[in-house]
Each structure stands twice: as C-alpha cells, then as structure tokens.
PDB file of N, CA and C in Angstrom:
ATOM      1  N   UNK A   1     261.484  62.909-206.465  1.00  0.00           N
ATOM      2  CA  UNK A   1     260.421  63.824-206.134  1.00  0.00           C
ATOM      3  C   UNK A   1     259.674  63.328-204.893  1.00  0.00           C
ATOM      4  N   UNK A   2     258.988  64.243-204.251  1.00  0.00           N
ATOM      5  CA  UNK A   2     258.251  63.980-203.029  1.00  0.00           C
ATOM      6  C   UNK A   2     257.064  63.066-203.291  1.00  0.00           C
ATOM      7  N   UNK A   3     256.831  62.126-202.378  1.00  0.00           N
ATOM      8  CA  UNK A   3     255.658  61.265-202.452  1.00  0.00           C
ATOM      9  C   UNK A   3     255.284  60.853-201.033  1.00  0.00           C
ATOM     10  N   UNK A   4     254.160  61.386-200.529  1.00  0.00           N
ATOM     11  CA  UNK A   4     253.710  61.121-199.164  1.00  0.00           C
ATOM     12  C   UNK A   4     252.356  60.432-199.227  1.00  0.00           C
ATOM     13  N   UNK A   5     252.298  59.191-198.736  1.00  0.00           N
ATOM     14  CA  UNK A   5     251.030  58.469-198.677  1.00  0.00           C
ATOM     15  C   UNK A   5     250.265  58.914-197.440  1.00  0.00           C
ATOM     16  N   UNK A   6     248.983  59.204-197.643  1.00  0.00           N
ATOM     17  CA  UNK A   6     248.117  59.668-196.573  1.00  0.00           C
ATOM     18  C   UNK A   6     246.937  58.731-196.414  1.00  0.00           C
ATOM     19  N   UNK A   7     246.140  58.962-195.380  1.00  0.00           N
ATOM     20  CA  UNK A   7     244.928  58.174-195.183  1.00  0.00           C
ATOM     21  C   UNK A   7     243.908  58.503-196.261  1.00  0.00           C
ATOM     22  N   UNK A   8     242.833  57.725-196.299  1.00  0.00           N
ATOM     23  CA  UNK A   8     241.743  57.916-197.263  1.00  0.00           C
ATOM     24  C   UNK A   8     242.208  57.756-198.708  1.00  0.00           C
ATOM     25  N   UNK A   9     243.224  56.918-198.922  1.00  0.00           N
ATOM     26  CA  UNK A   9     243.754  56.645-200.261  1.00  0.00           C
ATOM     27  C   UNK A   9     244.229  57.894-200.986  1.00  0.00           C
ATOM     28  N   UNK A  10     244.731  58.840-200.228  1.00  0.00           N
ATOM     29  CA  UNK A  10     245.241  60.063-200.833  1.00  0.00           C
ATOM     30  C   UNK A  10     246.753  60.101-200.731  1.00  0.00           C
ATOM     31  N   UNK A  11     247.354  60.876-201.611  1.00  0.00           N
ATOM     32  CA  UNK A  11     248.805  60.988-201.680  1.00  0.00           C
ATOM     33  C   UNK A  11     249.155  62.410-202.117  1.00  0.00           C
ATOM     34  N   UNK A  12     250.246  62.918-201.565  1.00  0.00           N
ATOM     35  CA  UNK A  12     250.779  64.196-202.034  1.00  0.00           C
ATOM     36  C   UNK A  12     252.081  63.887-202.750  1.00  0.00           C
ATOM     37  N   UNK A  13     252.169  64.348-203.993  1.00  0.00           N
ATOM     38  CA  UNK A  13     253.378  64.177-204.785  1.00  0.00           C
ATOM     39  C   UNK A  13     253.832  65.546-205.267  1.00  0.00           C
ATOM     40  N   UNK A  14     255.065  65.604-205.717  1.00  0.00           N
ATOM     41  CA  UNK A  14     255.555  66.866-206.263  1.00  0.00           C
ATOM     42  C   UNK A  14     256.303  66.606-207.561  1.00  0.00           C
ATOM     43  N   UNK A  15     256.357  67.633-208.366  1.00  0.00           N
ATOM     44  CA  UNK A  15     257.280  67.657-209.483  1.00  0.00           C
ATOM     45  C   UNK A  15     258.173  68.869-209.245  1.00  0.00           C
ATOM     46  N   UNK A  16     258.884  69.304-210.209  1.00  0.00           N
ATOM     47  CA  UNK A  16     259.824  70.397-209.972  1.00  0.00           C
ATOM     48  C   UNK A  16     259.140  71.751-209.803  1.00  0.00           C
ATOM     49  N   UNK A  17     257.830  71.827-210.053  1.00  0.00           N
ATOM     50  CA  UNK A  17     257.132  73.107-209.993  1.00  0.00           C
ATOM     51  C   UNK A  17     256.007  73.210-208.974  1.00  0.00           C
ATOM     52  N   UNK A  18     255.463  72.071-208.534  1.00  0.00           N
ATOM     53  CA  UNK A  18     254.238  72.126-207.742  1.00  0.00           C
ATOM     54  C   UNK A  18     254.032  70.861-206.922  1.00  0.00           C
ATOM     55  N   UNK A  19     253.023  70.936-206.038  1.00  0.00           N
ATOM     56  CA  UNK A  19     252.583  69.785-205.255  1.00  0.00           C
ATOM     57  C   UNK A  19     251.217  69.368-205.778  1.00  0.00           C
ATOM     58  N   UNK A  20     250.992  68.056-205.845  1.00  0.00           N
ATOM     59  CA  UNK A  20     249.728  67.527-206.339  1.00  0.00           C
ATOM     60  C   UNK A  20     249.078  66.681-205.256  1.00  0.00           C
ATOM     61  N   UNK A  21     247.800  66.910-205.019  1.00  0.00           N
ATOM     62  CA  UNK A  21     247.026  66.048-204.131  1.00  0.00           C
ATOM     63  C   UNK A  21     246.276  65.074-205.027  1.00  0.00           C
ATOM     64  N   UNK A  22     246.524  63.786-204.809  1.00  0.00           N
ATOM     65  CA  UNK A  22     245.917  62.759-205.652  1.00  0.00           C
ATOM     66  C   UNK A  22     245.121  61.780-204.801  1.00  0.00           C
ATOM     67  N   UNK A  23     244.169  61.135-205.447  1.00  0.00           N
ATOM     68  CA  UNK A  23     243.349  60.117-204.799  1.00  0.00           C
ATOM     69  C   UNK A  23     243.510  58.814-205.562  1.00  0.00           C
ATOM     70  N   UNK A  24     243.952  57.770-204.875  1.00  0.00           N
ATOM     71  CA  UNK A  24     244.072  56.446-205.494  1.00  0.00           C
ATOM     72  C   UNK A  24     242.691  55.817-205.549  1.00  0.00           C
ATOM     73  N   UNK A  25     242.286  55.398-206.734  1.00  0.00           N
ATOM     74  CA  UNK A  25     240.945  54.867-206.958  1.00  0.00           C
ATOM     75  C   UNK A  25     241.042  53.506-207.627  1.00  0.00           C
ATOM     76  N   UNK A  26     240.178  52.595-207.188  1.00  0.00           N
ATOM     77  CA  UNK A  26     240.044  51.297-207.845  1.00  0.00           C
ATOM     78  C   UNK A  26     238.655  51.250-208.461  1.00  0.00           C
ATOM     79  N   UNK A  27     238.596  51.040-209.761  1.00  0.00           N
ATOM     80  CA  UNK A  27     237.311  51.018-210.462  1.00  0.00           C
ATOM     81  C   UNK A  27     236.582  49.699-210.190  1.00  0.00           C
ATOM     82  N   UNK A  28     235.365  49.636-210.670  1.00  0.00           N
ATOM     83  CA  UNK A  28     234.565  48.416-210.524  1.00  0.00           C
ATOM     84  C   UNK A  28     235.213  47.228-211.236  1.00  0.00           C
ATOM     85  N   UNK A  29     236.040  47.507-212.246  1.00  0.00           N
ATOM     86  CA  UNK A  29     236.732  46.453-212.987  1.00  0.00           C
ATOM     87  C   UNK A  29     238.119  46.181-212.401  1.00  0.00           C
ATOM     88  N   UNK A  30     238.357  46.638-211.158  1.00  0.00           N
ATOM     89  CA  UNK A  30     239.626  46.464-210.447  1.00  0.00           C
ATOM     90  C   UNK A  30     240.812  47.117-211.150  1.00  0.00           C
ATOM     91  N   UNK A  31     240.548  48.155-211.908  1.00  0.00           N
ATOM     92  CA  UNK A  31     241.615  48.942-212.509  1.00  0.00           C
ATOM     93  C   UNK A  31     241.965  50.061-211.546  1.00  0.00           C
ATOM     94  N   UNK A  32     243.256  50.203-211.232  1.00  0.00           N
ATOM     95  CA  UNK A  32     243.681  51.248-210.318  1.00  0.00           C
ATOM     96  C   UNK A  32     244.205  52.451-211.093  1.00  0.00           C
ATOM     97  N   UNK A  33     243.849  53.630-210.617  1.00  0.00           N
ATOM     98  CA  UNK A  33     244.350  54.861-211.220  1.00  0.00           C
ATOM     99  C   UNK A  33     244.370  55.966-210.174  1.00  0.00           C
ATOM    100  N   UNK A  34     244.991  57.079-210.505  1.00  0.00           N
ATOM    101  CA  UNK A  34     245.062  58.222-209.596  1.00  0.00           C
ATOM    102  C   UNK A  34     244.322  59.405-210.208  1.00  0.00           C
ATOM    103  N   UNK A  35     243.431  59.975-209.439  1.00  0.00           N
ATOM    104  CA  UNK A  35     242.738  61.193-209.851  1.00  0.00           C
ATOM    105  C   UNK A  35     243.415  62.373-209.158  1.00  0.00           C
ATOM    106  N   UNK A  36     243.767  63.380-209.918  1.00  0.00           N
ATOM    107  CA  UNK A  36     244.369  64.580-209.341  1.00  0.00           C
ATOM    108  C   UNK A  36     243.252  65.444-208.770  1.00  0.00           C
ATOM    109  N   UNK A  37     243.359  65.743-207.468  1.00  0.00           N
ATOM    110  CA  UNK A  37     242.357  66.562-206.799  1.00  0.00           C
ATOM    111  C   UNK A  37     242.720  68.036-206.809  1.00  0.00           C
ATOM    112  N   UNK A  38     244.005  68.333-207.005  1.00  0.00           N
ATOM    113  CA  UNK A  38     244.406  69.730-207.063  1.00  0.00           C
ATOM    114  C   UNK A  38     245.901  69.901-207.205  1.00  0.00           C
ATOM    115  N   UNK A  39     246.268  71.103-207.636  1.00  0.00           N
ATOM    116  CA  UNK A  39     247.664  71.491-207.804  1.00  0.00           C
ATOM    117  C   UNK A  39     247.931  72.665-206.863  1.00  0.00           C
ATOM    118  N   UNK A  40     249.071  72.630-206.158  1.00  0.00           N
ATOM    119  CA  UNK A  40     249.346  73.626-205.128  1.00  0.00           C
ATOM    120  C   UNK A  40     250.789  74.101-205.210  1.00  0.00           C
ATOM    121  N   UNK A  41     251.000  75.358-204.860  1.00  0.00           N
ATOM    122  CA  UNK A  41     252.325  75.951-204.908  1.00  0.00           C
ATOM    123  C   UNK A  41     253.201  75.597-203.727  1.00  0.00           C
ATOM    124  N   UNK A  42     252.578  75.225-202.588  1.00  0.00           N
ATOM    125  CA  UNK A  42     253.351  74.874-201.395  1.00  0.00           C
ATOM    126  C   UNK A  42     252.813  73.586-200.780  1.00  0.00           C
ATOM    127  N   UNK A  43     253.654  72.952-199.988  1.00  0.00           N
ATOM    128  CA  UNK A  43     253.236  71.745-199.264  1.00  0.00           C
ATOM    129  C   UNK A  43     252.131  72.096-198.283  1.00  0.00           C
ATOM    130  N   UNK A  44     252.227  73.237-197.642  1.00  0.00           N
ATOM    131  CA  UNK A  44     251.194  73.655-196.691  1.00  0.00           C
ATOM    132  C   UNK A  44     249.828  73.764-197.368  1.00  0.00           C
ATOM    133  N   UNK A  45     249.787  74.319-198.569  1.00  0.00           N
ATOM    134  CA  UNK A  45     248.523  74.423-199.309  1.00  0.00           C
ATOM    135  C   UNK A  45     247.971  73.037-199.649  1.00  0.00           C
ATOM    136  N   UNK A  46     248.837  72.122-200.027  1.00  0.00           N
ATOM    137  CA  UNK A  46     248.404  70.756-200.343  1.00  0.00           C
ATOM    138  C   UNK A  46     247.855  70.068-199.099  1.00  0.00           C
ATOM    139  N   UNK A  47     248.496  70.281-197.954  1.00  0.00           N
ATOM    140  CA  UNK A  47     248.015  69.686-196.707  1.00  0.00           C
ATOM    141  C   UNK A  47     246.688  70.302-196.279  1.00  0.00           C
ATOM    142  N   UNK A  48     246.514  71.595-196.480  1.00  0.00           N
ATOM    143  CA  UNK A  48     245.231  72.243-196.166  1.00  0.00           C
ATOM    144  C   UNK A  48     244.118  71.663-197.044  1.00  0.00           C
ATOM    145  N   UNK A  49     244.419  71.416-198.306  1.00  0.00           N
ATOM    146  CA  UNK A  49     243.436  70.808-199.205  1.00  0.00           C
ATOM    147  C   UNK A  49     243.092  69.398-198.749  1.00  0.00           C
ATOM    148  N   UNK A  50     244.102  68.649-198.285  1.00  0.00           N
ATOM    149  CA  UNK A  50     243.867  67.294-197.757  1.00  0.00           C
ATOM    150  C   UNK A  50     242.919  67.354-196.555  1.00  0.00           C
ATOM    151  N   UNK A  51     243.172  68.297-195.654  1.00  0.00           N
ATOM    152  CA  UNK A  51     242.309  68.454-194.482  1.00  0.00           C
ATOM    153  C   UNK A  51     240.880  68.752-194.915  1.00  0.00           C
ATOM    154  N   UNK A  52     240.729  69.666-195.848  1.00  0.00           N
ATOM    155  CA  UNK A  52     239.393  70.029-196.338  1.00  0.00           C
ATOM    156  C   UNK A  52     238.689  68.821-196.950  1.00  0.00           C
ATOM    157  N   UNK A  53     239.393  68.054-197.783  1.00  0.00           N
ATOM    158  CA  UNK A  53     238.790  66.874-198.411  1.00  0.00           C
ATOM    159  C   UNK A  53     238.350  65.858-197.356  1.00  0.00           C
ATOM    160  N   UNK A  54     239.189  65.641-196.333  1.00  0.00           N
ATOM    161  CA  UNK A  54     238.846  64.684-195.276  1.00  0.00           C
ATOM    162  C   UNK A  54     237.582  65.111-194.535  1.00  0.00           C
ATOM    163  N   UNK A  55     237.458  66.399-194.280  1.00  0.00           N
ATOM    164  CA  UNK A  55     236.265  66.897-193.599  1.00  0.00           C
ATOM    165  C   UNK A  55     235.043  66.760-194.503  1.00  0.00           C
ATOM    166  N   UNK A  56     235.198  67.089-195.781  1.00  0.00           N
ATOM    167  CA  UNK A  56     234.062  67.017-196.707  1.00  0.00           C
ATOM    168  C   UNK A  56     233.555  65.595-196.917  1.00  0.00           C
ATOM    169  N   UNK A  57     234.445  64.600-196.858  1.00  0.00           N
ATOM    170  CA  UNK A  57     234.001  63.214-197.069  1.00  0.00           C
ATOM    171  C   UNK A  57     233.613  62.525-195.768  1.00  0.00           C
ATOM    172  N   UNK A  58     233.765  63.209-194.645  1.00  0.00           N
ATOM    173  CA  UNK A  58     233.420  62.600-193.361  1.00  0.00           C
ATOM    174  C   UNK A  58     231.900  62.536-193.208  1.00  0.00           C
ATOM    175  N   UNK A  59     231.482  61.760-192.228  1.00  0.00           N
ATOM    176  CA  UNK A  59     230.052  61.685-191.946  1.00  0.00           C
ATOM    177  C   UNK A  59     229.713  62.456-190.665  1.00  0.00           C
ATOM    178  N   UNK A  60     230.509  63.461-190.356  1.00  0.00           N
ATOM    179  CA  UNK A  60     230.277  64.285-189.174  1.00  0.00           C
ATOM    180  C   UNK A  60     228.927  64.983-189.294  1.00  0.00           C
ATOM    181  N   UNK A  61     228.225  65.069-188.177  1.00  0.00           N
ATOM    182  CA  UNK A  61     226.896  65.676-188.206  1.00  0.00           C
ATOM    183  C   UNK A  61     226.752  66.822-187.203  1.00  0.00           C
ATOM    184  N   UNK A  62     227.855  67.237-186.617  1.00  0.00           N
ATOM    185  CA  UNK A  62     227.810  68.370-185.696  1.00  0.00           C
ATOM    186  C   UNK A  62     229.148  69.110-185.733  1.00  0.00           C
ATOM    187  N   UNK A  63     229.134  70.321-185.252  1.00  0.00           N
ATOM    188  CA  UNK A  63     230.367  71.114-185.188  1.00  0.00           C
ATOM    189  C   UNK A  63     231.384  70.407-184.302  1.00  0.00           C
ATOM    190  N   UNK A  64     230.914  69.842-183.200  1.00  0.00           N
ATOM    191  CA  UNK A  64     231.812  69.150-182.273  1.00  0.00           C
ATOM    192  C   UNK A  64     232.517  67.997-182.981  1.00  0.00           C
ATOM    193  N   UNK A  65     231.803  67.224-183.775  1.00  0.00           N
ATOM    194  CA  UNK A  65     232.402  66.110-184.517  1.00  0.00           C
ATOM    195  C   UNK A  65     233.415  66.613-185.543  1.00  0.00           C
ATOM    196  N   UNK A  66     233.107  67.717-186.207  1.00  0.00           N
ATOM    197  CA  UNK A  66     234.033  68.287-187.187  1.00  0.00           C
ATOM    198  C   UNK A  66     235.310  68.756-186.491  1.00  0.00           C
ATOM    199  N   UNK A  67     235.161  69.426-185.355  1.00  0.00           N
ATOM    200  CA  UNK A  67     236.335  69.909-184.623  1.00  0.00           C
ATOM    201  C   UNK A  67     237.184  68.753-184.100  1.00  0.00           C
ATOM    202  N   UNK A  68     236.537  67.688-183.634  1.00  0.00           N
ATOM    203  CA  UNK A  68     237.267  66.498-183.184  1.00  0.00           C
ATOM    204  C   UNK A  68     238.019  65.876-184.353  1.00  0.00           C
ATOM    205  N   UNK A  69     237.356  65.776-185.491  1.00  0.00           N
ATOM    206  CA  UNK A  69     237.989  65.234-186.697  1.00  0.00           C
ATOM    207  C   UNK A  69     239.173  66.100-187.112  1.00  0.00           C
ATOM    208  N   UNK A  70     239.009  67.396-187.046  1.00  0.00           N
ATOM    209  CA  UNK A  70     240.074  68.329-187.410  1.00  0.00           C
ATOM    210  C   UNK A  70     241.310  68.121-186.538  1.00  0.00           C
ATOM    211  N   UNK A  71     241.116  67.942-185.248  1.00  0.00           N
ATOM    212  CA  UNK A  71     242.237  67.687-184.336  1.00  0.00           C
ATOM    213  C   UNK A  71     242.907  66.360-184.685  1.00  0.00           C
ATOM    214  N   UNK A  72     242.110  65.330-184.970  1.00  0.00           N
ATOM    215  CA  UNK A  72     242.659  64.020-185.332  1.00  0.00           C
ATOM    216  C   UNK A  72     243.482  64.098-186.619  1.00  0.00           C
ATOM    217  N   UNK A  73     242.974  64.802-187.608  1.00  0.00           N
ATOM    218  CA  UNK A  73     243.687  64.925-188.886  1.00  0.00           C
ATOM    219  C   UNK A  73     244.995  65.678-188.686  1.00  0.00           C
ATOM    220  N   UNK A  74     244.953  66.774-187.940  1.00  0.00           N
ATOM    221  CA  UNK A  74     246.172  67.554-187.709  1.00  0.00           C
ATOM    222  C   UNK A  74     247.205  66.745-186.936  1.00  0.00           C
ATOM    223  N   UNK A  75     246.774  65.947-185.961  1.00  0.00           N
ATOM    224  CA  UNK A  75     247.706  65.074-185.239  1.00  0.00           C
ATOM    225  C   UNK A  75     248.308  64.033-186.171  1.00  0.00           C
ATOM    226  N   UNK A  76     247.483  63.470-187.059  1.00  0.00           N
ATOM    227  CA  UNK A  76     247.971  62.498-188.034  1.00  0.00           C
ATOM    228  C   UNK A  76     249.029  63.128-188.934  1.00  0.00           C
ATOM    229  N   UNK A  77     248.772  64.346-189.386  1.00  0.00           N
ATOM    230  CA  UNK A  77     249.734  65.034-190.253  1.00  0.00           C
ATOM    231  C   UNK A  77     251.038  65.272-189.505  1.00  0.00           C
ATOM    232  N   UNK A  78     250.945  65.715-188.265  1.00  0.00           N
ATOM    233  CA  UNK A  78     252.172  65.948-187.466  1.00  0.00           C
ATOM    234  C   UNK A  78     252.997  64.659-187.350  1.00  0.00           C
ATOM    235  N   UNK A  79     252.324  63.546-187.100  1.00  0.00           N
ATOM    236  CA  UNK A  79     253.010  62.271-186.929  1.00  0.00           C
ATOM    237  C   UNK A  79     253.576  61.759-188.251  1.00  0.00           C
ATOM    238  N   UNK A  80     252.832  61.928-189.337  1.00  0.00           N
ATOM    239  CA  UNK A  80     253.220  61.385-190.633  1.00  0.00           C
ATOM    240  C   UNK A  80     254.225  62.258-191.367  1.00  0.00           C
ATOM    241  N   UNK A  81     253.940  63.547-191.421  1.00  0.00           N
ATOM    242  CA  UNK A  81     254.730  64.444-192.233  1.00  0.00           C
ATOM    243  C   UNK A  81     255.737  65.217-191.387  1.00  0.00           C
ATOM    244  N   UNK A  82     255.413  65.396-190.128  1.00  0.00           N
ATOM    245  CA  UNK A  82     256.313  66.154-189.260  1.00  0.00           C
ATOM    246  C   UNK A  82     256.122  67.648-189.379  1.00  0.00           C
ATOM    247  N   UNK A  83     254.916  68.073-189.741  1.00  0.00           N
ATOM    248  CA  UNK A  83     254.630  69.513-189.882  1.00  0.00           C
ATOM    249  C   UNK A  83     253.998  70.007-188.614  1.00  0.00           C
TER     250      UNK A  83
END
C-alpha cells in the first residue's frame, strides 16, 4: 500500500479503499502514535487536505505570507510526490 512521508510529521497512506492523512505524534511520555486527520477518496484530495493543514498550523500573519507558503508547499509536493 501507498505510504508517503511528508513534512510536519505528516504521512499519506492508503488501503484498498481510501487515502488517509495521518500525523505522527510523540506524547510527553515519549510514546509514538499516529492520529488520523482525515479519510479521502483520491490522492489529490489527501494532498489538498495536507496543504490546508500546513497553512492552518503556520504562523503566517498576512495574505502575502500565506501565498508564499502555498507556493512553497506546492513546490515541495511536486518534488516529493511528483504531482
């Protein structure tokens, strides 16, 4: 099955029916686990959700910063995933 490691401790995985956007988390007790952030019917939908999450967790404070971040994320996806 598909497994793509992304920045911000996120990963896109698939099973035979769907794509999952997950976040790798380490607890205060150093226990590692994955939180599912969403289930998607297509890889494109999962990547769009990843972009949205990256923007939401950013510390951007202006439209210009958000647009710059958006370009950086899309370039990263092109380089990593080839989309």
